[in-house]
Amino acid sequence: NLAIQEADLIIIVGTSLHAQICGWESSKFAPNAKKIWFEIDNNIIEARKSIYNITETFNLSVEKSLLILKNNLKNYKNRNYSWNKNIKKYKKKYLFHFPKNKSIKDRVCLYKAVSKLSENAGLFSAVTYDAGLLTYVVAQHYHPVHHQQYISSGSFGAMGMAVPYAIGASLGNGIHSKPVLCITG
């Protein structure tokens, strides 16, 4: 959130800018940034571009958007070293945060539990999880390893999706793959 609030340019691809992502006060979403939005659904663009003060919009699929960005940014080198330093500082200071009541006797802290699972991420071919508090906890404290599938119901808010996702990931990986980690609440 800090990085987005301080950004001077945001390129948005593959999200329809729901309030869960941008915040509940649309005027406070990256107020000083130029915002370029690639969105396949023109109705969504029309509904949200003014409330988030989007500078430019392109009615394109993610695939076409990424191809355009790749072709136009291939020679771009980020020279803003202070920005990079700030991002590293934020990651170091805020990447993991635990609630103040993390150590209540006879209770499990989800943040600590998911962090422990993340330490062993290499044991799994995929991790799946569904809605509720897990959406935030897993996204903040589980860090997938290289080539690991990371499957979430995301902003769909679909409770109960972790199990079917896990079955699909397991079948897709084949019988000789590592196990799938399914986290559901």
N, C-alpha and C. Protein backbone atom coordinates (compact mmCIF):
# COMPACT_ATOMS: atom_id res chain seq x y z
N ASN A 1 0.82 -1.20 0.00
CA ASN A 1 0.00 0.00 0.00
C ASN A 1 0.86 1.26 0.00
N LEU A 2 1.93 1.24 0.77
CA LEU A 2 2.81 2.41 0.81
C LEU A 2 3.42 2.66 -0.57
N ALA A 3 3.87 1.60 -1.22
CA ALA A 3 4.50 1.75 -2.54
C ALA A 3 3.49 2.31 -3.55
N ILE A 4 2.28 1.82 -3.50
CA ILE A 4 1.26 2.31 -4.44
C ILE A 4 0.93 3.77 -4.15
N GLN A 5 0.83 4.11 -2.88
CA GLN A 5 0.50 5.50 -2.54
C GLN A 5 1.59 6.47 -2.95
N GLU A 6 2.83 6.01 -3.01
CA GLU A 6 3.94 6.90 -3.37
C GLU A 6 4.32 6.84 -4.85
N ALA A 7 3.70 5.93 -5.60
CA ALA A 7 4.07 5.74 -7.00
C ALA A 7 3.72 6.95 -7.85
N ASP A 8 4.53 7.17 -8.91
CA ASP A 8 4.20 8.22 -9.86
C ASP A 8 3.65 7.62 -11.16
N LEU A 9 3.80 6.30 -11.33
CA LEU A 9 3.24 5.61 -12.49
C LEU A 9 2.81 4.21 -12.06
N ILE A 10 1.59 3.85 -12.42
CA ILE A 10 1.09 2.49 -12.17
C ILE A 10 0.53 1.96 -13.47
N ILE A 11 1.04 0.80 -13.87
CA ILE A 11 0.51 0.10 -15.04
C ILE A 11 -0.31 -1.07 -14.52
N ILE A 12 -1.58 -1.10 -14.86
CA ILE A 12 -2.53 -2.04 -14.30
C ILE A 12 -2.95 -3.04 -15.37
N VAL A 13 -2.67 -4.34 -15.11
CA VAL A 13 -3.02 -5.40 -16.05
C VAL A 13 -3.63 -6.56 -15.27
N GLY A 14 -4.74 -7.08 -15.74
CA GLY A 14 -5.29 -8.30 -15.17
C GLY A 14 -6.08 -8.13 -13.90
N THR A 15 -6.57 -6.95 -13.63
CA THR A 15 -7.43 -6.73 -12.47
C THR A 15 -8.51 -5.73 -12.86
N SER A 16 -9.68 -5.95 -12.32
CA SER A 16 -10.78 -5.03 -12.64
C SER A 16 -10.95 -3.95 -11.57
N LEU A 17 -9.93 -3.77 -10.75
CA LEU A 17 -9.88 -2.68 -9.78
C LEU A 17 -11.06 -2.68 -8.80
N HIS A 18 -11.27 -3.81 -8.15
CA HIS A 18 -12.30 -3.89 -7.12
C HIS A 18 -11.84 -3.09 -5.90
N ALA A 19 -12.79 -2.68 -5.10
CA ALA A 19 -12.48 -1.91 -3.89
C ALA A 19 -11.59 -2.70 -2.93
N GLN A 20 -11.70 -4.04 -2.93
CA GLN A 20 -10.86 -4.85 -2.05
C GLN A 20 -9.38 -4.67 -2.40
N ILE A 21 -9.09 -4.33 -3.62
CA ILE A 21 -7.72 -4.16 -4.07
C ILE A 21 -7.29 -2.69 -3.96
N CYS A 22 -8.16 -1.79 -4.32
CA CYS A 22 -7.81 -0.37 -4.40
C CYS A 22 -8.13 0.42 -3.15
N GLY A 23 -8.90 -0.14 -2.26
CA GLY A 23 -9.31 0.57 -1.06
C GLY A 23 -10.73 1.09 -1.20
N TRP A 24 -11.31 1.39 -0.07
CA TRP A 24 -12.73 1.77 -0.06
C TRP A 24 -12.94 3.24 -0.35
N GLU A 25 -11.88 4.03 -0.33
CA GLU A 25 -11.99 5.45 -0.68
C GLU A 25 -11.25 5.65 -2.00
N SER A 26 -12.00 5.58 -3.08
CA SER A 26 -11.40 5.58 -4.42
C SER A 26 -10.51 6.79 -4.69
N SER A 27 -10.81 7.92 -4.10
CA SER A 27 -9.99 9.11 -4.35
C SER A 27 -8.59 8.98 -3.75
N LYS A 28 -8.40 8.04 -2.83
CA LYS A 28 -7.10 7.87 -2.18
C LYS A 28 -6.24 6.79 -2.84
N PHE A 29 -6.72 6.19 -3.93
CA PHE A 29 -5.94 5.17 -4.63
C PHE A 29 -4.87 5.85 -5.49
N ALA A 30 -3.62 5.74 -5.06
CA ALA A 30 -2.47 6.30 -5.79
C ALA A 30 -2.79 7.70 -6.33
N PRO A 31 -3.05 8.64 -5.45
CA PRO A 31 -3.55 9.95 -5.89
C PRO A 31 -2.59 10.74 -6.76
N ASN A 32 -1.29 10.48 -6.67
CA ASN A 32 -0.32 11.26 -7.44
C ASN A 32 0.23 10.52 -8.65
N ALA A 33 -0.30 9.34 -8.93
CA ALA A 33 0.26 8.52 -10.00
C ALA A 33 -0.50 8.69 -11.31
N LYS A 34 0.25 8.60 -12.38
CA LYS A 34 -0.35 8.41 -13.69
C LYS A 34 -0.72 6.92 -13.72
N LYS A 35 -1.97 6.60 -14.10
CA LYS A 35 -2.45 5.22 -14.08
C LYS A 35 -2.85 4.79 -15.48
N ILE A 36 -2.21 3.74 -15.96
CA ILE A 36 -2.50 3.18 -17.28
C ILE A 36 -3.10 1.79 -17.06
N TRP A 37 -4.32 1.60 -17.57
CA TRP A 37 -5.10 0.40 -17.26
C TRP A 37 -5.42 -0.40 -18.52
N PHE A 38 -5.01 -1.66 -18.51
CA PHE A 38 -5.34 -2.61 -19.57
C PHE A 38 -6.45 -3.52 -19.03
N GLU A 39 -7.63 -3.48 -19.62
CA GLU A 39 -8.79 -4.24 -19.13
C GLU A 39 -9.61 -4.73 -20.32
N ILE A 40 -9.96 -6.00 -20.31
CA ILE A 40 -10.68 -6.58 -21.44
C ILE A 40 -12.16 -6.19 -21.48
N ASP A 41 -12.74 -5.89 -20.33
CA ASP A 41 -14.17 -5.59 -20.23
C ASP A 41 -14.40 -4.08 -20.26
N ASN A 42 -14.89 -3.61 -21.38
CA ASN A 42 -15.10 -2.16 -21.56
C ASN A 42 -16.14 -1.62 -20.58
N ASN A 43 -17.11 -2.44 -20.18
CA ASN A 43 -18.11 -1.99 -19.20
C ASN A 43 -17.44 -1.68 -17.86
N ILE A 44 -16.47 -2.51 -17.46
CA ILE A 44 -15.74 -2.26 -16.22
C ILE A 44 -14.92 -0.98 -16.34
N ILE A 45 -14.29 -0.81 -17.49
CA ILE A 45 -13.51 0.42 -17.72
C ILE A 45 -14.40 1.64 -17.53
N GLU A 46 -15.55 1.63 -18.20
CA GLU A 46 -16.45 2.78 -18.13
C GLU A 46 -16.97 3.02 -16.71
N ALA A 47 -17.18 1.94 -15.96
CA ALA A 47 -17.72 2.08 -14.61
C ALA A 47 -16.69 2.60 -13.61
N ARG A 48 -15.40 2.30 -13.84
CA ARG A 48 -14.41 2.58 -12.80
C ARG A 48 -13.32 3.58 -13.17
N LYS A 49 -13.17 3.92 -14.44
CA LYS A 49 -12.02 4.77 -14.79
C LYS A 49 -12.07 6.14 -14.14
N SER A 50 -13.22 6.71 -14.00
CA SER A 50 -13.28 8.05 -13.39
C SER A 50 -13.17 7.99 -11.87
N ILE A 51 -13.71 6.95 -11.23
CA ILE A 51 -13.64 6.93 -9.76
C ILE A 51 -12.21 6.68 -9.27
N TYR A 52 -11.38 6.03 -10.10
CA TYR A 52 -9.97 5.81 -9.72
C TYR A 52 -9.03 6.76 -10.44
N ASN A 53 -9.59 7.72 -11.15
CA ASN A 53 -8.80 8.73 -11.85
C ASN A 53 -7.74 8.10 -12.75
N ILE A 54 -8.20 7.20 -13.64
CA ILE A 54 -7.31 6.50 -14.56
C ILE A 54 -6.92 7.44 -15.69
N THR A 55 -5.65 7.52 -15.98
CA THR A 55 -5.14 8.44 -17.00
C THR A 55 -5.43 7.92 -18.41
N GLU A 56 -5.09 6.64 -18.65
CA GLU A 56 -5.31 6.04 -19.97
C GLU A 56 -5.85 4.63 -19.80
N THR A 57 -6.75 4.23 -20.70
CA THR A 57 -7.27 2.86 -20.67
C THR A 57 -7.11 2.22 -22.04
N PHE A 58 -6.93 0.90 -22.01
CA PHE A 58 -6.83 0.12 -23.24
C PHE A 58 -7.70 -1.12 -23.08
N ASN A 59 -8.66 -1.27 -23.97
CA ASN A 59 -9.60 -2.39 -23.93
C ASN A 59 -8.96 -3.60 -24.62
N LEU A 60 -8.11 -4.34 -23.83
CA LEU A 60 -7.34 -5.46 -24.39
C LEU A 60 -7.28 -6.61 -23.39
N SER A 61 -7.02 -7.81 -23.91
CA SER A 61 -6.81 -8.98 -23.05
C SER A 61 -5.46 -8.86 -22.34
N VAL A 62 -5.28 -9.66 -21.30
CA VAL A 62 -4.00 -9.68 -20.58
C VAL A 62 -2.89 -10.08 -21.54
N GLU A 63 -3.14 -11.10 -22.35
CA GLU A 63 -2.11 -11.57 -23.28
C GLU A 63 -1.64 -10.45 -24.22
N LYS A 64 -2.58 -9.75 -24.83
CA LYS A 64 -2.21 -8.66 -25.74
C LYS A 64 -1.56 -7.51 -24.98
N SER A 65 -2.05 -7.23 -23.78
CA SER A 65 -1.48 -6.16 -22.97
C SER A 65 -0.03 -6.43 -22.64
N LEU A 66 0.25 -7.65 -22.19
CA LEU A 66 1.63 -8.00 -21.83
C LEU A 66 2.55 -7.98 -23.05
N LEU A 67 2.05 -8.38 -24.19
CA LEU A 67 2.85 -8.33 -25.41
C LEU A 67 3.19 -6.89 -25.77
N ILE A 68 2.23 -6.00 -25.68
CA ILE A 68 2.48 -4.58 -25.95
C ILE A 68 3.49 -4.01 -24.96
N LEU A 69 3.31 -4.33 -23.68
CA LEU A 69 4.24 -3.83 -22.67
C LEU A 69 5.64 -4.37 -22.90
N LYS A 70 5.73 -5.65 -23.21
CA LYS A 70 7.04 -6.27 -23.46
C LYS A 70 7.75 -5.58 -24.62
N ASN A 71 7.02 -5.35 -25.69
CA ASN A 71 7.62 -4.72 -26.87
C ASN A 71 8.00 -3.26 -26.62
N ASN A 72 7.24 -2.57 -25.79
CA ASN A 72 7.50 -1.15 -25.56
C ASN A 72 8.45 -0.87 -24.41
N LEU A 73 8.64 -1.85 -23.54
CA LEU A 73 9.49 -1.62 -22.37
C LEU A 73 10.78 -2.42 -22.40
N LYS A 74 11.05 -3.12 -23.50
CA LYS A 74 12.22 -4.01 -23.51
C LYS A 74 13.54 -3.27 -23.32
N ASN A 75 13.62 -2.01 -23.69
CA ASN A 75 14.87 -1.26 -23.51
C ASN A 75 14.82 -0.32 -22.32
N TYR A 76 13.73 -0.37 -21.56
CA TYR A 76 13.57 0.51 -20.41
C TYR A 76 14.41 -0.01 -19.24
N LYS A 77 15.13 0.88 -18.61
CA LYS A 77 15.90 0.54 -17.41
C LYS A 77 15.46 1.50 -16.31
N ASN A 78 15.07 0.93 -15.17
CA ASN A 78 14.64 1.76 -14.06
C ASN A 78 15.85 2.46 -13.46
N ARG A 79 15.85 3.75 -13.52
CA ARG A 79 16.97 4.53 -12.99
C ARG A 79 16.63 5.18 -11.65
N ASN A 80 15.43 4.92 -11.15
CA ASN A 80 15.01 5.55 -9.92
C ASN A 80 15.48 4.73 -8.72
N TYR A 81 16.73 4.92 -8.35
CA TYR A 81 17.33 4.11 -7.30
C TYR A 81 16.70 4.39 -5.93
N SER A 82 16.25 5.60 -5.70
CA SER A 82 15.62 5.89 -4.41
C SER A 82 14.30 5.12 -4.28
N TRP A 83 13.58 4.97 -5.38
CA TRP A 83 12.35 4.18 -5.38
C TRP A 83 12.68 2.72 -5.02
N ASN A 84 13.69 2.18 -5.65
CA ASN A 84 14.09 0.79 -5.36
C ASN A 84 14.51 0.63 -3.90
N LYS A 85 15.23 1.60 -3.37
CA LYS A 85 15.63 1.55 -1.96
C LYS A 85 14.41 1.58 -1.04
N ASN A 86 13.45 2.44 -1.37
CA ASN A 86 12.23 2.50 -0.55
C ASN A 86 11.48 1.17 -0.57
N ILE A 87 11.37 0.55 -1.71
CA ILE A 87 10.65 -0.72 -1.82
C ILE A 87 11.37 -1.78 -0.98
N LYS A 88 12.69 -1.83 -1.06
CA LYS A 88 13.45 -2.79 -0.25
C LYS A 88 13.26 -2.52 1.24
N LYS A 89 13.24 -1.25 1.60
CA LYS A 89 13.03 -0.89 3.00
C LYS A 89 11.64 -1.34 3.46
N TYR A 90 10.63 -1.11 2.64
CA TYR A 90 9.27 -1.54 2.99
C TYR A 90 9.18 -3.05 3.14
N LYS A 91 9.81 -3.77 2.21
CA LYS A 91 9.78 -5.23 2.29
C LYS A 91 10.42 -5.72 3.59
N LYS A 92 11.54 -5.14 3.92
CA LYS A 92 12.25 -5.58 5.13
C LYS A 92 11.43 -5.26 6.38
N LYS A 93 10.84 -4.09 6.42
CA LYS A 93 10.13 -3.65 7.61
C LYS A 93 8.72 -4.24 7.72
N TYR A 94 8.02 -4.39 6.58
CA TYR A 94 6.60 -4.72 6.64
C TYR A 94 6.20 -6.05 6.01
N LEU A 95 7.14 -6.79 5.44
CA LEU A 95 6.74 -8.02 4.73
C LEU A 95 5.96 -8.95 5.64
N PHE A 96 6.47 -9.19 6.82
CA PHE A 96 5.76 -10.02 7.78
C PHE A 96 5.27 -9.15 8.92
N HIS A 97 4.01 -9.27 9.20
CA HIS A 97 3.49 -8.60 10.39
C HIS A 97 2.54 -9.56 11.08
N PHE A 98 2.58 -9.54 12.37
CA PHE A 98 1.76 -10.44 13.16
C PHE A 98 0.84 -9.60 14.06
N PRO A 99 -0.36 -10.10 14.29
CA PRO A 99 -1.27 -9.35 15.16
C PRO A 99 -0.71 -9.28 16.59
N LYS A 100 -1.13 -8.28 17.32
CA LYS A 100 -0.63 -8.09 18.69
C LYS A 100 -1.01 -9.25 19.60
N ASN A 101 -2.11 -9.92 19.32
CA ASN A 101 -2.55 -11.03 20.15
C ASN A 101 -2.10 -12.39 19.60
N LYS A 102 -0.93 -12.42 19.00
CA LYS A 102 -0.45 -13.64 18.34
C LYS A 102 -0.12 -14.76 19.32
N SER A 103 0.02 -14.47 20.57
CA SER A 103 0.47 -15.49 21.52
C SER A 103 -0.55 -15.75 22.64
N ILE A 104 -1.79 -15.83 22.31
CA ILE A 104 -2.81 -16.15 23.31
C ILE A 104 -2.78 -17.65 23.56
N LYS A 105 -2.74 -18.03 24.82
CA LYS A 105 -2.64 -19.44 25.21
C LYS A 105 -3.81 -20.24 24.62
N ASP A 106 -3.49 -21.44 24.13
CA ASP A 106 -4.47 -22.38 23.57
C ASP A 106 -5.12 -21.89 22.28
N ARG A 107 -4.49 -20.93 21.59
CA ARG A 107 -5.01 -20.47 20.31
C ARG A 107 -3.90 -20.56 19.26
N VAL A 108 -4.30 -20.79 18.04
CA VAL A 108 -3.36 -20.85 16.94
C VAL A 108 -3.38 -19.51 16.21
N CYS A 109 -2.23 -18.95 15.98
CA CYS A 109 -2.11 -17.72 15.20
C CYS A 109 -1.98 -18.14 13.74
N LEU A 110 -2.98 -17.80 12.93
CA LEU A 110 -2.95 -18.17 11.51
C LEU A 110 -1.71 -17.63 10.80
N TYR A 111 -1.30 -16.43 11.16
CA TYR A 111 -0.14 -15.82 10.53
C TYR A 111 1.12 -16.65 10.78
N LYS A 112 1.28 -17.10 12.03
CA LYS A 112 2.45 -17.93 12.35
C LYS A 112 2.34 -19.30 11.68
N ALA A 113 1.15 -19.88 11.66
CA ALA A 113 0.96 -21.19 11.05
C ALA A 113 1.28 -21.15 9.55
N VAL A 114 0.78 -20.13 8.87
CA VAL A 114 1.04 -20.02 7.43
C VAL A 114 2.51 -19.71 7.17
N SER A 115 3.13 -18.91 8.03
CA SER A 115 4.57 -18.66 7.89
C SER A 115 5.37 -19.95 8.01
N LYS A 116 4.96 -20.82 8.93
CA LYS A 116 5.64 -22.12 9.10
C LYS A 116 5.45 -22.98 7.85
N LEU A 117 4.25 -22.99 7.30
CA LEU A 117 4.01 -23.74 6.06
C LEU A 117 4.88 -23.19 4.93
N SER A 118 5.01 -21.87 4.89
CA SER A 118 5.81 -21.24 3.85
C SER A 118 7.28 -21.64 3.95
N GLU A 119 7.77 -21.83 5.17
CA GLU A 119 9.16 -22.28 5.34
C GLU A 119 9.39 -23.64 4.69
N ASN A 120 8.32 -24.40 4.51
CA ASN A 120 8.40 -25.74 3.91
C ASN A 120 7.74 -25.79 2.54
N ALA A 121 7.65 -24.65 1.87
CA ALA A 121 6.96 -24.56 0.58
C ALA A 121 7.51 -25.53 -0.46
N GLY A 122 8.79 -25.83 -0.39
CA GLY A 122 9.41 -26.73 -1.37
C GLY A 122 8.88 -28.16 -1.33
N LEU A 123 8.14 -28.51 -0.29
CA LEU A 123 7.58 -29.85 -0.19
C LEU A 123 6.34 -30.04 -1.05
N PHE A 124 5.77 -28.93 -1.55
CA PHE A 124 4.48 -28.98 -2.24
C PHE A 124 4.60 -28.55 -3.70
N SER A 125 3.79 -29.17 -4.56
CA SER A 125 3.76 -28.78 -5.97
C SER A 125 2.85 -27.57 -6.16
N ALA A 126 1.88 -27.41 -5.27
CA ALA A 126 0.93 -26.30 -5.37
C ALA A 126 0.39 -25.98 -3.99
N VAL A 127 -0.10 -24.76 -3.84
CA VAL A 127 -0.84 -24.37 -2.65
C VAL A 127 -2.16 -23.77 -3.11
N THR A 128 -3.25 -24.20 -2.46
CA THR A 128 -4.56 -23.63 -2.77
C THR A 128 -5.17 -23.11 -1.48
N TYR A 129 -5.97 -22.09 -1.60
CA TYR A 129 -6.69 -21.57 -0.45
C TYR A 129 -7.93 -20.84 -0.92
N ASP A 130 -8.86 -20.62 0.01
CA ASP A 130 -10.09 -19.96 -0.40
C ASP A 130 -10.31 -18.66 0.37
N ALA A 131 -11.54 -18.25 0.49
CA ALA A 131 -11.89 -16.91 0.95
C ALA A 131 -11.84 -16.75 2.46
N GLY A 132 -12.23 -15.58 2.89
CA GLY A 132 -12.23 -15.27 4.30
C GLY A 132 -10.89 -14.70 4.72
N LEU A 133 -10.59 -14.83 6.00
CA LEU A 133 -9.34 -14.32 6.54
C LEU A 133 -8.13 -14.92 5.83
N LEU A 134 -8.26 -16.17 5.37
CA LEU A 134 -7.14 -16.82 4.68
C LEU A 134 -6.67 -16.04 3.46
N THR A 135 -7.58 -15.35 2.79
CA THR A 135 -7.20 -14.56 1.62
C THR A 135 -6.08 -13.60 1.96
N TYR A 136 -6.16 -13.00 3.13
CA TYR A 136 -5.16 -12.02 3.54
C TYR A 136 -3.93 -12.69 4.16
N VAL A 137 -4.16 -13.67 5.00
CA VAL A 137 -3.06 -14.31 5.71
C VAL A 137 -2.14 -15.04 4.73
N VAL A 138 -2.69 -15.86 3.86
CA VAL A 138 -1.86 -16.63 2.92
C VAL A 138 -1.16 -15.69 1.94
N ALA A 139 -1.87 -14.71 1.45
CA ALA A 139 -1.25 -13.77 0.50
C ALA A 139 -0.08 -13.02 1.12
N GLN A 140 -0.14 -12.77 2.42
CA GLN A 140 0.93 -12.02 3.08
C GLN A 140 2.06 -12.91 3.60
N HIS A 141 1.76 -14.14 3.99
CA HIS A 141 2.75 -14.94 4.71
C HIS A 141 3.18 -16.23 4.02
N TYR A 142 2.59 -16.56 2.89
CA TYR A 142 3.04 -17.75 2.17
C TYR A 142 3.75 -17.29 0.91
N HIS A 143 4.97 -17.74 0.73
CA HIS A 143 5.76 -17.34 -0.43
C HIS A 143 6.08 -18.57 -1.27
N PRO A 144 5.40 -18.71 -2.42
CA PRO A 144 5.62 -19.90 -3.26
C PRO A 144 7.07 -19.98 -3.74
N VAL A 145 7.50 -21.20 -3.98
CA VAL A 145 8.83 -21.42 -4.53
C VAL A 145 8.73 -21.52 -6.05
N HIS A 146 9.87 -21.51 -6.70
CA HIS A 146 9.95 -21.57 -8.16
C HIS A 146 9.13 -22.74 -8.72
N HIS A 147 8.32 -22.49 -9.69
CA HIS A 147 7.48 -23.47 -10.39
C HIS A 147 6.34 -24.03 -9.54
N GLN A 148 6.08 -23.44 -8.40
CA GLN A 148 4.96 -23.91 -7.58
C GLN A 148 3.70 -23.17 -8.01
N GLN A 149 2.61 -23.91 -8.16
CA GLN A 149 1.33 -23.28 -8.48
C GLN A 149 0.78 -22.61 -7.23
N TYR A 150 0.16 -21.46 -7.41
CA TYR A 150 -0.41 -20.69 -6.31
C TYR A 150 -1.83 -20.37 -6.74
N ILE A 151 -2.80 -21.06 -6.16
CA ILE A 151 -4.17 -20.98 -6.66
C ILE A 151 -5.10 -20.48 -5.56
N SER A 152 -5.77 -19.36 -5.84
CA SER A 152 -6.64 -18.72 -4.86
C SER A 152 -7.95 -18.31 -5.52
N SER A 153 -8.98 -18.25 -4.72
CA SER A 153 -10.24 -17.70 -5.24
C SER A 153 -10.17 -16.18 -5.33
N GLY A 154 -9.11 -15.62 -4.79
CA GLY A 154 -8.84 -14.19 -4.92
C GLY A 154 -10.02 -13.31 -4.57
N SER A 155 -10.29 -12.35 -5.40
CA SER A 155 -11.36 -11.40 -5.10
C SER A 155 -12.74 -11.94 -5.45
N PHE A 156 -12.81 -13.22 -5.87
CA PHE A 156 -14.13 -13.81 -6.11
C PHE A 156 -14.87 -14.01 -4.80
N GLY A 157 -14.13 -14.17 -3.71
CA GLY A 157 -14.75 -14.38 -2.41
C GLY A 157 -15.47 -15.72 -2.33
N ALA A 158 -14.97 -16.71 -3.07
CA ALA A 158 -15.66 -17.99 -3.16
C ALA A 158 -15.19 -18.95 -2.07
N MET A 159 -15.95 -19.03 -0.99
CA MET A 159 -15.60 -19.96 0.08
C MET A 159 -15.78 -21.39 -0.42
N GLY A 160 -14.88 -22.26 0.02
CA GLY A 160 -14.97 -23.66 -0.34
C GLY A 160 -14.25 -24.02 -1.62
N MET A 161 -13.59 -23.10 -2.25
CA MET A 161 -12.92 -23.38 -3.53
C MET A 161 -11.58 -24.07 -3.36
N ALA A 162 -10.98 -24.01 -2.19
CA ALA A 162 -9.64 -24.58 -2.00
C ALA A 162 -9.61 -26.07 -2.30
N VAL A 163 -10.62 -26.82 -1.87
CA VAL A 163 -10.62 -28.28 -2.08
C VAL A 163 -10.73 -28.63 -3.57
N PRO A 164 -11.70 -28.08 -4.32
CA PRO A 164 -11.71 -28.41 -5.75
C PRO A 164 -10.46 -27.93 -6.49
N TYR A 165 -9.93 -26.78 -6.08
CA TYR A 165 -8.67 -26.33 -6.67
C TYR A 165 -7.56 -27.33 -6.41
N ALA A 166 -7.49 -27.84 -5.18
CA ALA A 166 -6.45 -28.81 -4.81
C ALA A 166 -6.60 -30.10 -5.61
N ILE A 167 -7.82 -30.56 -5.79
CA ILE A 167 -8.06 -31.77 -6.58
C ILE A 167 -7.59 -31.54 -8.02
N GLY A 168 -7.96 -30.42 -8.58
CA GLY A 168 -7.54 -30.10 -9.95
C GLY A 168 -6.04 -29.99 -10.08
N ALA A 169 -5.41 -29.32 -9.12
CA ALA A 169 -3.94 -29.18 -9.15
C ALA A 169 -3.27 -30.53 -9.03
N SER A 170 -3.81 -31.39 -8.19
CA SER A 170 -3.24 -32.73 -8.00
C SER A 170 -3.37 -33.56 -9.27
N LEU A 171 -4.54 -33.53 -9.88
CA LEU A 171 -4.75 -34.28 -11.13
C LEU A 171 -3.89 -33.73 -12.26
N GLY A 172 -3.76 -32.41 -12.29
CA GLY A 172 -2.95 -31.78 -13.33
C GLY A 172 -1.47 -32.06 -13.18
N ASN A 173 -1.01 -32.27 -11.95
CA ASN A 173 0.40 -32.52 -11.70
C ASN A 173 0.79 -33.98 -11.93
N GLY A 174 -0.18 -34.87 -11.93
CA GLY A 174 0.14 -36.29 -12.12
C GLY A 174 0.47 -36.97 -10.81
N ILE A 175 0.53 -38.28 -10.83
CA ILE A 175 0.68 -39.06 -9.60
C ILE A 175 2.10 -39.03 -9.04
N HIS A 176 3.08 -38.64 -9.82
CA HIS A 176 4.46 -38.64 -9.34
C HIS A 176 4.91 -37.28 -8.83
N SER A 177 3.99 -36.35 -8.75
CA SER A 177 4.32 -35.00 -8.31
C SER A 177 4.32 -34.93 -6.78
N LYS A 178 4.83 -33.81 -6.29
CA LYS A 178 4.78 -33.55 -4.85
C LYS A 178 3.32 -33.32 -4.44
N PRO A 179 3.01 -33.48 -3.15
CA PRO A 179 1.64 -33.24 -2.71
C PRO A 179 1.22 -31.79 -2.86
N VAL A 180 -0.09 -31.58 -2.86
CA VAL A 180 -0.67 -30.24 -2.94
C VAL A 180 -1.06 -29.82 -1.52
N LEU A 181 -0.72 -28.60 -1.15
CA LEU A 181 -1.12 -28.05 0.14
C LEU A 181 -2.43 -27.31 -0.04
N CYS A 182 -3.44 -27.72 0.70
CA CYS A 182 -4.77 -27.08 0.64
C CYS A 182 -5.04 -26.44 1.99
N ILE A 183 -5.25 -25.13 1.98
CA ILE A 183 -5.53 -24.39 3.22
C ILE A 183 -6.95 -23.85 3.13
N THR A 184 -7.79 -24.28 4.03
CA THR A 184 -9.18 -23.81 4.02
C THR A 184 -9.61 -23.49 5.44
N GLY A 185 -10.51 -22.54 5.58
CA GLY A 185 -10.91 -22.11 6.91
C GLY A 185 -12.36 -22.38 7.18
